[in-house]
Amino acid sequence: MELKNDRFLRALQGQDVDVTPVWMMRQAGRYLPEYRNTRKQAGDFISLCQNPQLACEVALQPLRRYAFDAAILFSDILTIPDAMGQGLYFSEGEGPKFKKVIRSEQDVDKLPDIKVADDLSYVTDAVSLIRKELNGSVPLIGFSGSPWTLATYMVEGRGGTDHSHTKVWAYLEPDGFGKLIKLLTDAVTIHLLQQIESGADVVKLFDSWAGVLAETQFRRWVIEPTTEIVRRLKLAHPEIRIIGFPRGAGVLYQEYAHATGVDAIAIDGAVPAAWAAETLQRDRTVQGNLDNLALMTGGETLTNETHRILGALGGGPFIFNLGHGVLPKTPPENVTRLATLIREWKA
């Protein structure tokens, strides 16, 4: 299907675009009243993710309000561990948690066999439905959590920890921990392949906890599995574009970008834009990296920060985004203002 707006894809391919393309992580979320109504209709967040019709509705909601250049699948990075019987649930104000944890090679051996096609069919059904409803207006992004980040949730049982259980296990028993990473690498690859085959134009790997690792461990548990996933995706679909987001990686963003083979590198809000232009944007597309609190603040803060980032990165292959997801208290009019600033910007 020929896209009416292919600005996002052309930027991923390093081609010239008329204006900087923009989409935002969590562009469909709690800051939108229509999202809150749909979630209430679903009953809870997990039920919303597992209902393809409602997930499609949520994915389309921000596109009705804003001039975004891409839609993103509405789902969660933890669908794979949930399908492995970990018992995903959400506590209000506390984020995701698991009823079970994995702390040893023996625990890994006890995990049920995951049949991605069946156990996560609600995700691919949502991809197909969103693709149909978009009707060629903009590209569709699929995604998954990366193996290291999924493993940390499975071992710690929740986010927001110091990751000590996961890191100590990886240090003391790398072969046993590596078995979990291998299992997740296979599952993530299959999950993304099925999203591509269901209609995703681009896929993104979220490694939300990559930044907690020491240099050598980063290479082993972030770069190596990501490289394998990218290799297998490109082997099956050479045309697919892949965005990698090893949040918090610091100077290791550069090694990640070059070693893994991702087409674009998404950067968090702490990365200096000038450094990203000098070290990352020379040979691939950069995506980022407005502080989500600057978006929530609005006013001159939003204007100045948007212009700063565009001034540093807007002259090369670039996709405007946030350094992390839209915060629930963000006024929707601030998002409208951001889109206008980007559209009106001139180098």
Protein backbone atom coordinates (compact mmCIF):
# COMPACT_ATOMS: atom_id res chain seq x y z
CA MET A 1 0.00 0.00 0.00
CA GLU A 2 1.38 3.40 -1.00
CA LEU A 3 1.54 5.81 1.92
CA LYS A 4 0.03 9.27 1.71
CA ASN A 5 2.64 10.48 4.21
CA ASP A 6 5.96 8.65 4.01
CA ARG A 7 8.04 11.40 5.68
CA PHE A 8 8.84 9.17 8.66
CA LEU A 9 10.04 6.28 6.49
CA ARG A 10 12.14 8.56 4.29
CA ALA A 11 13.84 9.99 7.36
CA LEU A 12 14.61 6.45 8.53
CA GLN A 13 16.22 5.79 5.16
CA GLY A 14 18.36 8.93 5.44
CA GLN A 15 16.48 10.74 2.66
CA ASP A 16 15.63 14.42 2.56
CA VAL A 17 12.23 15.45 3.95
CA ASP A 18 10.24 18.67 3.64
CA VAL A 19 9.84 19.05 7.41
CA THR A 20 11.11 17.05 10.38
CA PRO A 21 8.82 14.07 11.05
CA VAL A 22 7.43 13.65 14.56
CA TRP A 23 5.72 11.02 16.67
CA MET A 24 5.94 10.48 20.42
CA MET A 25 6.44 7.59 22.76
CA ARG A 26 3.16 7.04 24.64
CA GLN A 27 1.43 9.39 22.21
CA ALA A 28 -1.68 7.38 23.06
CA GLY A 29 -2.00 7.52 26.81
CA ARG A 30 -3.47 8.94 29.97
CA TYR A 31 -2.94 12.59 29.02
CA LEU A 32 -5.81 12.23 26.51
CA PRO A 33 -9.36 12.25 27.89
CA GLU A 34 -10.54 9.97 25.08
CA TYR A 35 -7.92 7.41 26.12
CA ARG A 36 -9.12 7.49 29.71
CA ASN A 37 -12.67 6.88 28.53
CA THR A 38 -11.60 3.91 26.40
CA ARG A 39 -9.58 2.42 29.25
CA LYS A 40 -12.59 2.77 31.53
CA GLN A 41 -14.64 0.93 28.93
CA ALA A 42 -12.04 -1.88 28.84
CA GLY A 43 -11.96 -2.18 32.64
CA ASP A 44 -8.19 -2.11 33.14
CA PHE A 45 -4.97 -1.65 31.23
CA ILE A 46 -4.28 -5.31 30.50
CA SER A 47 -7.81 -5.87 29.22
CA LEU A 48 -7.37 -2.83 26.97
CA CYS A 49 -4.15 -4.24 25.50
CA GLN A 50 -5.78 -7.62 24.91
CA ASN A 51 -8.80 -6.20 23.07
CA PRO A 52 -7.72 -5.59 19.42
CA GLN A 53 -10.67 -3.32 18.65
CA LEU A 54 -10.07 -1.06 21.65
CA ALA A 55 -6.28 -1.16 21.15
CA CYS A 56 -6.86 0.00 17.58
CA GLU A 57 -9.11 2.81 18.77
CA VAL A 58 -6.48 4.02 21.23
CA ALA A 59 -3.70 3.88 18.61
CA LEU A 60 -5.74 6.10 16.29
CA GLN A 61 -6.83 8.67 18.89
CA PRO A 62 -3.71 10.89 18.81
CA LEU A 63 -3.71 10.94 15.01
CA ARG A 64 -7.16 12.55 15.09
CA ARG A 65 -5.77 15.39 17.19
CA TYR A 66 -2.21 15.93 15.98
CA ALA A 67 -0.19 16.02 12.78
CA PHE A 68 1.95 13.02 13.67
CA ASP A 69 3.88 11.20 10.98
CA ALA A 70 3.49 7.67 12.38
CA ALA A 71 1.12 5.55 14.42
CA ILE A 72 2.39 3.09 16.99
CA LEU A 73 0.82 -0.16 18.08
CA PHE A 74 -0.93 0.11 21.44
CA SER A 75 0.41 -2.70 23.58
CA ASP A 76 2.96 -3.21 26.35
CA ILE A 77 6.59 -4.31 26.38
CA LEU A 78 5.79 -7.02 28.96
CA THR A 79 3.39 -9.11 26.88
CA ILE A 80 6.06 -11.79 26.33
CA PRO A 81 6.82 -12.43 30.03
CA ASP A 82 3.09 -12.40 30.72
CA ALA A 83 2.62 -15.10 28.07
CA MET A 84 5.34 -17.08 29.85
CA GLY A 85 3.11 -17.34 32.90
CA GLN A 86 4.69 -14.60 35.02
CA GLY A 87 1.30 -13.13 35.99
CA LEU A 88 1.52 -9.51 34.89
CA TYR A 89 -0.61 -7.01 36.82
CA PHE A 90 -0.64 -3.27 37.41
CA SER A 91 -0.91 -1.50 40.76
CA GLU A 92 -2.33 2.02 40.55
CA GLY A 93 0.54 4.50 40.70
CA GLU A 94 3.19 1.77 40.98
CA GLY A 95 3.57 0.44 37.44
CA PRO A 96 3.79 -3.18 36.27
CA LYS A 97 4.46 -6.10 38.59
CA PHE A 98 4.72 -9.88 38.24
CA LYS A 99 3.23 -12.49 40.55
CA LYS A 100 6.17 -14.84 39.87
CA VAL A 101 9.89 -14.16 39.61
CA ILE A 102 12.77 -15.99 37.93
CA ARG A 103 15.94 -16.26 40.01
CA SER A 104 17.83 -19.33 38.74
CA GLU A 105 18.50 -21.57 35.76
CA GLN A 106 16.11 -24.09 37.32
CA ASP A 107 13.36 -21.44 37.25
CA VAL A 108 14.08 -20.85 33.56
CA ASP A 109 13.77 -24.57 32.86
CA LYS A 110 10.32 -24.55 34.48
CA LEU A 111 8.94 -21.80 32.24
CA PRO A 112 6.12 -23.02 30.01
CA ASP A 113 6.75 -23.22 26.28
CA ILE A 114 5.52 -20.00 24.71
CA LYS A 115 3.67 -20.27 21.42
CA VAL A 116 3.97 -16.66 20.30
CA ALA A 117 1.56 -17.01 17.41
CA ASP A 118 -1.21 -18.22 19.70
CA ASP A 119 -0.40 -16.61 23.04
CA LEU A 120 0.13 -13.15 21.58
CA SER A 121 -2.36 -13.30 18.74
CA TYR A 122 -4.24 -10.34 20.25
CA VAL A 123 -1.18 -8.18 19.49
CA THR A 124 -0.92 -9.20 15.84
CA ASP A 125 -4.69 -8.88 15.48
CA ALA A 126 -4.37 -5.29 16.71
CA VAL A 127 -1.55 -4.63 14.23
CA SER A 128 -3.68 -5.89 11.34
CA LEU A 129 -6.67 -3.84 12.43
CA ILE A 130 -4.69 -0.63 12.95
CA ARG A 131 -3.01 -1.06 9.57
CA LYS A 132 -6.41 -1.45 7.93
CA GLU A 133 -7.90 1.59 9.67
CA LEU A 134 -4.90 3.77 8.84
CA ASN A 135 -5.66 3.11 5.16
CA GLY A 136 -2.21 4.24 4.05
CA SER A 137 -2.30 7.59 5.86
CA VAL A 138 0.93 7.11 7.86
CA PRO A 139 3.28 4.22 8.67
CA LEU A 140 2.67 1.88 11.60
CA ILE A 141 5.32 1.11 14.23
CA GLY A 142 5.38 -2.25 16.00
CA PHE A 143 7.54 -2.89 19.03
CA SER A 144 8.81 -5.17 21.75
CA GLY A 145 10.78 -4.94 24.93
CA SER A 146 14.39 -6.06 24.47
CA PRO A 147 15.69 -9.22 26.15
CA TRP A 148 17.69 -7.49 28.92
CA THR A 149 14.81 -5.25 29.96
CA LEU A 150 12.29 -8.12 29.88
CA ALA A 151 14.68 -10.23 31.95
CA THR A 152 15.03 -7.51 34.61
CA TYR A 153 11.27 -7.39 35.10
CA MET A 154 11.07 -11.16 35.27
CA VAL A 155 13.86 -11.39 37.85
CA GLU A 156 13.04 -8.34 39.97
CA GLY A 157 9.27 -8.77 39.71
CA ARG A 158 8.75 -5.08 38.96
CA GLY A 159 10.46 -1.96 37.67
CA GLY A 160 12.07 0.81 39.68
CA THR A 161 14.53 -1.39 41.61
CA ASP A 162 18.32 -1.27 41.76
CA HIS A 163 18.34 -4.41 39.56
CA SER A 164 20.66 -6.15 42.02
CA HIS A 165 19.05 -9.60 41.73
CA THR A 166 19.38 -9.52 37.95
CA LYS A 167 22.90 -8.11 37.81
CA VAL A 168 24.32 -10.43 40.48
CA TRP A 169 22.80 -13.49 38.78
CA ALA A 170 24.29 -12.36 35.45
CA TYR A 171 27.72 -11.95 37.08
CA LEU A 172 27.71 -15.17 39.11
CA GLU A 173 25.97 -17.53 36.67
CA PRO A 174 26.25 -16.06 33.17
CA ASP A 175 25.42 -19.37 31.50
CA GLY A 176 22.20 -19.78 33.47
CA PHE A 177 21.19 -16.16 33.02
CA GLY A 178 22.18 -16.43 29.38
CA LYS A 179 19.62 -19.20 28.96
CA LEU A 180 16.89 -16.72 29.93
CA ILE A 181 18.30 -14.11 27.54
CA LYS A 182 18.40 -16.69 24.71
CA LEU A 183 14.80 -17.67 25.39
CA LEU A 184 13.73 -14.03 25.30
CA THR A 185 15.81 -13.27 22.19
CA ASP A 186 13.99 -16.03 20.31
CA ALA A 187 10.56 -14.89 21.56
CA VAL A 188 11.19 -11.21 20.75
CA THR A 189 12.37 -12.11 17.25
CA ILE A 190 9.29 -14.22 16.53
CA HIS A 191 6.99 -11.59 18.03
CA LEU A 192 8.44 -8.83 15.86
CA LEU A 193 8.43 -10.99 12.73
CA GLN A 194 4.73 -11.64 13.26
CA GLN A 195 4.06 -7.93 13.73
CA ILE A 196 5.90 -7.19 10.48
CA GLU A 197 3.94 -9.87 8.67
CA SER A 198 0.71 -8.44 10.10
CA GLY A 199 1.41 -4.97 8.73
CA ALA A 200 3.99 -3.08 10.81
CA ASP A 201 6.17 -0.87 8.59
CA VAL A 202 8.82 -0.26 11.27
CA VAL A 203 9.67 -1.99 14.56
CA LYS A 204 11.26 -0.58 17.69
CA LEU A 205 13.21 -2.32 20.44
CA PHE A 206 12.75 -0.77 23.88
CA ASP A 207 15.66 -1.51 26.23
CA SER A 208 14.40 0.67 29.06
CA TRP A 209 16.95 -0.54 31.65
CA ALA A 210 20.02 -0.75 29.42
CA GLY A 211 21.65 2.13 31.25
CA VAL A 212 22.05 0.25 34.55
CA LEU A 213 24.73 -2.07 33.17
CA ALA A 214 28.50 -1.79 33.33
CA GLU A 215 30.33 -1.61 30.02
CA THR A 216 31.18 -5.31 29.62
CA GLN A 217 27.74 -6.42 30.75
CA PHE A 218 26.10 -3.92 28.39
CA ARG A 219 27.90 -5.53 25.49
CA ARG A 220 26.89 -9.05 26.52
CA TRP A 221 23.27 -8.54 27.58
CA VAL A 222 22.20 -5.56 25.44
CA ILE A 223 24.35 -5.40 22.30
CA GLU A 224 24.73 -9.13 21.60
CA PRO A 225 21.04 -10.13 21.78
CA THR A 226 19.96 -6.98 19.93
CA THR A 227 22.45 -7.72 17.15
CA GLU A 228 21.01 -11.22 16.80
CA ILE A 229 17.43 -9.94 16.68
CA VAL A 230 18.30 -7.34 14.03
CA ARG A 231 20.19 -9.95 11.98
CA ARG A 232 17.25 -12.34 11.96
CA LEU A 233 14.68 -9.64 11.21
CA LYS A 234 16.74 -8.30 8.31
CA LEU A 235 17.33 -11.81 6.97
CA ALA A 236 13.58 -12.39 6.76
CA HIS A 237 12.62 -8.83 5.76
CA PRO A 238 15.58 -6.86 4.34
CA GLU A 239 13.37 -3.83 3.79
CA ILE A 240 12.22 -3.47 7.40
CA ARG A 241 13.48 -0.47 9.37
CA ILE A 242 14.45 -1.00 13.00
CA ILE A 243 14.77 1.60 15.77
CA GLY A 244 16.80 0.77 18.86
CA PHE A 245 16.36 2.54 22.20
CA PRO A 246 18.90 1.54 24.87
CA ARG A 247 17.74 4.16 27.36
CA GLY A 248 20.44 5.57 29.61
CA ALA A 249 23.32 4.11 27.59
CA GLY A 250 25.36 7.34 27.61
CA VAL A 251 28.49 7.14 25.46
CA LEU A 252 27.67 3.48 24.76
CA TYR A 253 24.89 4.67 22.44
CA GLN A 254 27.57 4.97 19.77
CA GLU A 255 28.79 1.39 20.12
CA TYR A 256 25.21 0.09 20.29
CA ALA A 257 24.29 1.90 17.09
CA HIS A 258 27.26 0.63 15.11
CA ALA A 259 27.37 -2.92 16.49
CA THR A 260 23.70 -3.86 16.34
CA GLY A 261 22.88 -2.63 12.83
CA VAL A 262 19.73 -0.73 13.81
CA ASP A 263 18.63 1.82 11.23
CA ALA A 264 17.88 4.51 13.79
CA ILE A 265 18.99 5.19 17.33
CA ALA A 266 16.50 6.70 19.77
CA ILE A 267 18.15 8.74 22.52
CA ASP A 268 16.98 9.73 25.98
CA GLY A 269 16.69 13.29 27.26
CA ALA A 270 20.10 13.30 28.96
CA VAL A 271 22.05 12.87 25.71
CA PRO A 272 23.54 16.17 24.47
CA ALA A 273 22.02 16.91 21.07
CA ALA A 274 25.31 18.26 19.68
CA TRP A 275 27.11 15.05 20.71
CA ALA A 276 24.39 12.96 19.04
CA ALA A 277 24.76 14.98 15.84
CA GLU A 278 28.54 14.54 15.86
CA THR A 279 28.79 10.86 16.83
CA LEU A 280 25.50 9.18 15.90
CA GLN A 281 23.95 11.12 13.05
CA ARG A 282 26.91 10.74 10.72
CA ASP A 283 25.76 7.34 9.49
CA ARG A 284 22.22 6.75 10.72
CA THR A 285 18.98 8.42 11.74
CA VAL A 286 18.65 9.83 15.25
CA GLN A 287 15.32 9.95 17.07
CA GLY A 288 14.66 12.07 20.15
CA ASN A 289 15.04 13.62 22.60
CA LEU A 290 12.86 16.33 24.20
CA ASP A 291 12.56 16.02 27.98
CA ASN A 292 9.00 14.90 28.66
CA LEU A 293 8.88 17.33 31.59
CA ALA A 294 9.65 20.20 29.21
CA LEU A 295 6.65 19.10 27.16
CA MET A 296 4.51 18.98 30.29
CA THR A 297 5.76 22.44 31.36
CA GLY A 298 4.99 24.10 28.02
CA GLY A 299 5.42 27.83 27.39
CA GLU A 300 8.85 29.27 26.66
CA THR A 301 10.50 26.17 28.09
CA LEU A 302 8.89 24.04 25.41
CA THR A 303 9.69 26.51 22.65
CA ASN A 304 13.32 26.95 23.62
CA GLU A 305 14.01 23.25 24.12
CA THR A 306 12.31 22.31 20.85
CA HIS A 307 14.31 24.89 18.92
CA ARG A 308 17.55 23.79 20.62
CA ILE A 309 17.07 20.17 19.55
CA LEU A 310 15.97 21.08 16.03
CA GLY A 311 18.95 23.39 15.70
CA ALA A 312 21.37 20.63 16.62
CA LEU A 313 19.79 17.65 14.87
CA GLY A 314 17.32 19.02 12.32
CA GLY A 315 19.87 19.29 9.54
CA GLY A 316 20.54 15.55 9.33
CA PRO A 317 18.47 12.36 9.24
CA PHE A 318 16.24 13.04 12.24
CA ILE A 319 12.87 12.13 13.76
CA PHE A 320 11.58 14.37 16.53
CA ASN A 321 10.43 12.52 19.63
CA LEU A 322 10.73 12.60 23.39
CA GLY A 323 13.50 11.21 25.56
CA HIS A 324 10.84 9.06 27.23
CA GLY A 325 7.05 8.74 27.09
CA VAL A 326 4.41 11.49 27.40
CA LEU A 327 3.57 12.05 31.09
CA PRO A 328 -0.05 11.65 32.23
CA LYS A 329 -0.33 15.28 33.44
CA THR A 330 0.78 16.75 30.09
CA PRO A 331 -1.81 19.25 28.77
CA PRO A 332 -2.93 18.11 25.30
CA GLU A 333 -2.55 21.70 24.04
CA ASN A 334 1.19 21.47 24.74
CA VAL A 335 1.40 18.60 22.26
CA THR A 336 -0.45 20.73 19.72
CA ARG A 337 2.09 23.51 20.33
CA LEU A 338 5.01 21.11 19.90
CA ALA A 339 3.71 19.84 16.56
CA THR A 340 3.28 23.45 15.38
CA LEU A 341 6.81 24.40 16.44
CA ILE A 342 8.24 21.49 14.48
CA ARG A 343 6.20 22.20 11.36
CA GLU A 344 7.15 25.90 11.41
CA TRP A 345 10.86 25.39 12.11
CA LYS A 346 13.33 26.47 9.46
CA ALA A 347 17.04 25.64 9.59
